[in-house]
Amino acid sequence: MILLYTTSKNHVVETLEQIVAEQLPTRHLVRCRSLAELEQRLRRPCHQAEIVLISVGDAIEMQELSAMRPLFIDLRLVMVLPRRHPDIIAWAHKMGPRFIAYADNGHQQVGAVLNKMLGGQSAASAGWA
């Protein structure tokens, strides 16, 4: 299961959802729309999250997420940051993500990274699509 955290529905989130659907059609995508919902999901004894995909909206949200850092230990974390601001990047790196993309560039690579992290081959690259 891929756990997607985002508080807003925008073109980046729609692209991420489409990428997961195309690259990893056999993986279940669970969306969390609030920090409380994400925290509740991660505190479950068996949350079954293979990867946590986070789309950060702004610096305030990044600070709130970084306060939840202990919940992300031992999870494969992929982050999409809103922009290349030094403070946001520093907070993101403290969380120990496996990959960081940006809303204005690089979120297209997320599908390939997720696919590789899960050790699979996408349907498109295998010639099944």
C-alpha atoms as a PDB file:
ATOM      1  CA  MET A   1       0.000   0.000   0.000  1.00  0.00           C
ATOM      2  CA  ILE A   2       1.123   3.529  -0.784  1.00  0.00           C
ATOM      3  CA  LEU A   3       0.022   6.167   1.699  1.00  0.00           C
ATOM      4  CA  LEU A   4      -0.447   9.586   0.058  1.00  0.00           C
ATOM      5  CA  TYR A   5      -0.635  12.654   2.274  1.00  0.00           C
ATOM      6  CA  THR A   6      -1.871  15.913   0.821  1.00  0.00           C
ATOM      7  CA  THR A   7      -4.185  18.591   2.149  1.00  0.00           C
ATOM      8  CA  SER A   8      -5.164  20.031  -1.209  1.00  0.00           C
ATOM      9  CA  LYS A   9      -6.225  18.769  -4.597  1.00  0.00           C
ATOM     10  CA  ASN A  10      -4.103  20.487  -7.241  1.00  0.00           C
ATOM     11  CA  HIS A  11      -2.354  19.586 -10.501  1.00  0.00           C
ATOM     12  CA  VAL A  12       0.641  18.117  -8.642  1.00  0.00           C
ATOM     13  CA  VAL A  13      -1.557  15.812  -6.550  1.00  0.00           C
ATOM     14  CA  GLU A  14      -3.589  14.806  -9.594  1.00  0.00           C
ATOM     15  CA  THR A  15      -0.340  14.016 -11.426  1.00  0.00           C
ATOM     16  CA  LEU A  16       0.942  11.955  -8.483  1.00  0.00           C
ATOM     17  CA  GLU A  17      -2.304   9.987  -8.303  1.00  0.00           C
ATOM     18  CA  GLN A  18      -2.163   9.355 -12.054  1.00  0.00           C
ATOM     19  CA  ILE A  19       1.491   8.268 -11.838  1.00  0.00           C
ATOM     20  CA  VAL A  20       0.718   5.769  -9.083  1.00  0.00           C
ATOM     21  CA  ALA A  21      -2.277   4.424 -11.028  1.00  0.00           C
ATOM     22  CA  GLU A  22      -0.204   4.011 -14.211  1.00  0.00           C
ATOM     23  CA  GLN A  23       3.131   2.862 -12.785  1.00  0.00           C
ATOM     24  CA  LEU A  24       1.837   0.734  -9.921  1.00  0.00           C
ATOM     25  CA  PRO A  25      -1.663  -0.440 -10.829  1.00  0.00           C
ATOM     26  CA  THR A  26      -1.521  -3.355  -8.379  1.00  0.00           C
ATOM     27  CA  ARG A  27      -0.731  -1.132  -5.376  1.00  0.00           C
ATOM     28  CA  HIS A  28      -3.493   0.243  -3.222  1.00  0.00           C
ATOM     29  CA  LEU A  29      -3.381   4.024  -2.725  1.00  0.00           C
ATOM     30  CA  VAL A  30      -4.705   5.399   0.559  1.00  0.00           C
ATOM     31  CA  ARG A  31      -5.147   9.163   0.817  1.00  0.00           C
ATOM     32  CA  CYS A  32      -4.803  11.158   4.030  1.00  0.00           C
ATOM     33  CA  ARG A  33      -6.167  14.692   3.792  1.00  0.00           C
ATOM     34  CA  SER A  34      -5.095  16.006   7.211  1.00  0.00           C
ATOM     35  CA  LEU A  35      -2.164  15.722   9.582  1.00  0.00           C
ATOM     36  CA  ALA A  36      -4.445  14.161  12.189  1.00  0.00           C
ATOM     37  CA  GLU A  37      -5.570  11.498   9.717  1.00  0.00           C
ATOM     38  CA  LEU A  38      -1.963  10.779   8.699  1.00  0.00           C
ATOM     39  CA  GLU A  39      -0.836  10.548  12.312  1.00  0.00           C
ATOM     40  CA  GLN A  40      -3.730   8.253  13.206  1.00  0.00           C
ATOM     41  CA  ARG A  41      -2.919   5.992  10.253  1.00  0.00           C
ATOM     42  CA  LEU A  42       0.798   5.787  11.105  1.00  0.00           C
ATOM     43  CA  ARG A  43       0.109   5.064  14.791  1.00  0.00           C
ATOM     44  CA  ARG A  44      -1.819   1.918  13.927  1.00  0.00           C
ATOM     45  CA  PRO A  45       0.131  -1.167  14.960  1.00  0.00           C
ATOM     46  CA  CYS A  46      -0.196  -2.590  11.461  1.00  0.00           C
ATOM     47  CA  HIS A  47      -0.515   0.392   9.129  1.00  0.00           C
ATOM     48  CA  GLN A  48       0.743  -1.674   6.140  1.00  0.00           C
ATOM     49  CA  ALA A  49       2.296   1.337   4.419  1.00  0.00           C
ATOM     50  CA  GLU A  50       5.020   0.251   2.006  1.00  0.00           C
ATOM     51  CA  ILE A  51       5.772   3.841   1.036  1.00  0.00           C
ATOM     52  CA  VAL A  52       4.590   7.182   2.371  1.00  0.00           C
ATOM     53  CA  LEU A  53       4.248   9.790  -0.376  1.00  0.00           C
ATOM     54  CA  ILE A  54       3.922  13.335   0.959  1.00  0.00           C
ATOM     55  CA  SER A  55       2.990  16.403  -1.053  1.00  0.00           C
ATOM     56  CA  VAL A  56       3.901  19.412   1.090  1.00  0.00           C
ATOM     57  CA  GLY A  57       1.824  22.552   0.608  1.00  0.00           C
ATOM     58  CA  ASP A  58       3.925  25.190   2.356  1.00  0.00           C
ATOM     59  CA  ALA A  59       6.580  25.899   5.001  1.00  0.00           C
ATOM     60  CA  ILE A  60       4.094  25.778   7.887  1.00  0.00           C
ATOM     61  CA  GLU A  61       2.891  22.347   6.850  1.00  0.00           C
ATOM     62  CA  MET A  62       6.520  21.211   6.505  1.00  0.00           C
ATOM     63  CA  GLN A  63       7.198  22.314  10.090  1.00  0.00           C
ATOM     64  CA  GLU A  64       4.151  20.405  11.322  1.00  0.00           C
ATOM     65  CA  LEU A  65       5.236  17.297   9.432  1.00  0.00           C
ATOM     66  CA  SER A  66       8.763  17.543  10.813  1.00  0.00           C
ATOM     67  CA  ALA A  67       7.294  17.484  14.334  1.00  0.00           C
ATOM     68  CA  MET A  68       5.902  14.035  13.421  1.00  0.00           C
ATOM     69  CA  ARG A  69       9.354  12.789  12.376  1.00  0.00           C
ATOM     70  CA  PRO A  70       9.438   9.829  14.816  1.00  0.00           C
ATOM     71  CA  LEU A  71       6.434   8.309  13.020  1.00  0.00           C
ATOM     72  CA  PHE A  72       8.383   8.162   9.755  1.00  0.00           C
ATOM     73  CA  ILE A  73      11.349   6.211  11.122  1.00  0.00           C
ATOM     74  CA  ASP A  74      11.774   2.934   9.230  1.00  0.00           C
ATOM     75  CA  LEU A  75       9.315   4.011   6.512  1.00  0.00           C
ATOM     76  CA  ARG A  76      10.217   4.637   2.907  1.00  0.00           C
ATOM     77  CA  LEU A  77       9.387   8.278   2.457  1.00  0.00           C
ATOM     78  CA  VAL A  78       9.049  10.209  -0.816  1.00  0.00           C
ATOM     79  CA  MET A  79       8.399  13.943  -0.632  1.00  0.00           C
ATOM     80  CA  VAL A  80       7.192  16.497  -3.147  1.00  0.00           C
ATOM     81  CA  LEU A  81       8.093  19.975  -1.935  1.00  0.00           C
ATOM     82  CA  PRO A  82       6.313  23.156  -3.050  1.00  0.00           C
ATOM     83  CA  ARG A  83       9.488  25.035  -3.990  1.00  0.00           C
ATOM     84  CA  ARG A  84      13.221  25.131  -3.502  1.00  0.00           C
ATOM     85  CA  HIS A  85      13.318  27.183  -0.323  1.00  0.00           C
ATOM     86  CA  PRO A  86      16.355  26.442   1.894  1.00  0.00           C
ATOM     87  CA  ASP A  87      14.302  26.080   5.096  1.00  0.00           C
ATOM     88  CA  ILE A  88      11.791  23.692   3.543  1.00  0.00           C
ATOM     89  CA  ILE A  89      14.583  21.613   2.019  1.00  0.00           C
ATOM     90  CA  ALA A  90      16.436  21.465   5.358  1.00  0.00           C
ATOM     91  CA  TRP A  91      13.299  20.330   7.224  1.00  0.00           C
ATOM     92  CA  ALA A  92      12.603  17.741   4.540  1.00  0.00           C
ATOM     93  CA  HIS A  93      16.110  16.282   4.732  1.00  0.00           C
ATOM     94  CA  LYS A  94      15.809  15.921   8.505  1.00  0.00           C
ATOM     95  CA  MET A  95      12.901  13.558   7.902  1.00  0.00           C
ATOM     96  CA  GLY A  96      15.159  11.202   5.937  1.00  0.00           C
ATOM     97  CA  PRO A  97      13.271  10.815   2.653  1.00  0.00           C
ATOM     98  CA  ARG A  98      14.463   8.375   0.025  1.00  0.00           C
ATOM     99  CA  PHE A  99      13.596  10.866  -2.728  1.00  0.00           C
ATOM    100  CA  ILE A 100      12.665  14.533  -2.966  1.00  0.00           C
ATOM    101  CA  ALA A 101      10.888  16.080  -5.937  1.00  0.00           C
ATOM    102  CA  TYR A 102       9.528  19.581  -6.426  1.00  0.00           C
ATOM    103  CA  ALA A 103       6.073  20.738  -7.477  1.00  0.00           C
ATOM    104  CA  ASP A 104       7.480  22.785 -10.342  1.00  0.00           C
ATOM    105  CA  ASN A 105       9.848  20.099 -11.631  1.00  0.00           C
ATOM    106  CA  GLY A 106      10.724  16.488 -10.945  1.00  0.00           C
ATOM    107  CA  HIS A 107       7.431  15.068  -9.762  1.00  0.00           C
ATOM    108  CA  GLN A 108       7.274  13.079 -13.014  1.00  0.00           C
ATOM    109  CA  GLN A 109      10.209  10.986 -11.732  1.00  0.00           C
ATOM    110  CA  VAL A 110       8.233   9.911  -8.688  1.00  0.00           C
ATOM    111  CA  GLY A 111       6.595   6.997 -10.529  1.00  0.00           C
ATOM    112  CA  ALA A 112       9.934   5.509 -11.548  1.00  0.00           C
ATOM    113  CA  VAL A 113      11.287   5.962  -8.025  1.00  0.00           C
ATOM    114  CA  LEU A 114       8.236   4.312  -6.451  1.00  0.00           C
ATOM    115  CA  ASN A 115       8.446   1.468  -8.925  1.00  0.00           C
ATOM    116  CA  LYS A 116      12.123   0.911  -8.186  1.00  0.00           C
ATOM    117  CA  MET A 117      11.604   1.151  -4.424  1.00  0.00           C
ATOM    118  CA  LEU A 118       8.961  -1.553  -4.627  1.00  0.00           C
ATOM    119  CA  GLY A 119      11.257  -3.715  -6.723  1.00  0.00           C
ATOM    120  CA  GLY A 120       8.741  -4.004  -9.510  1.00  0.00           C
ATOM    121  CA  GLN A 121       8.445  -3.326 -13.163  1.00  0.00           C
ATOM    122  CA  SER A 122       5.627  -1.124 -14.357  1.00  0.00           C
ATOM    123  CA  ALA A 123       3.086  -2.440 -16.798  1.00  0.00           C
ATOM    124  CA  ALA A 124       4.110   0.179 -19.358  1.00  0.00           C
ATOM    125  CA  SER A 125       7.813  -0.653 -19.230  1.00  0.00           C
ATOM    126  CA  ALA A 126       7.088  -4.367 -19.379  1.00  0.00           C
ATOM    127  CA  GLY A 127       5.107  -3.932 -22.592  1.00  0.00           C
ATOM    128  CA  TRP A 128       1.777  -4.914 -21.021  1.00  0.00           C
ATOM    129  CA  ALA A 129       0.017  -1.612 -21.520  1.00  0.00           C
END
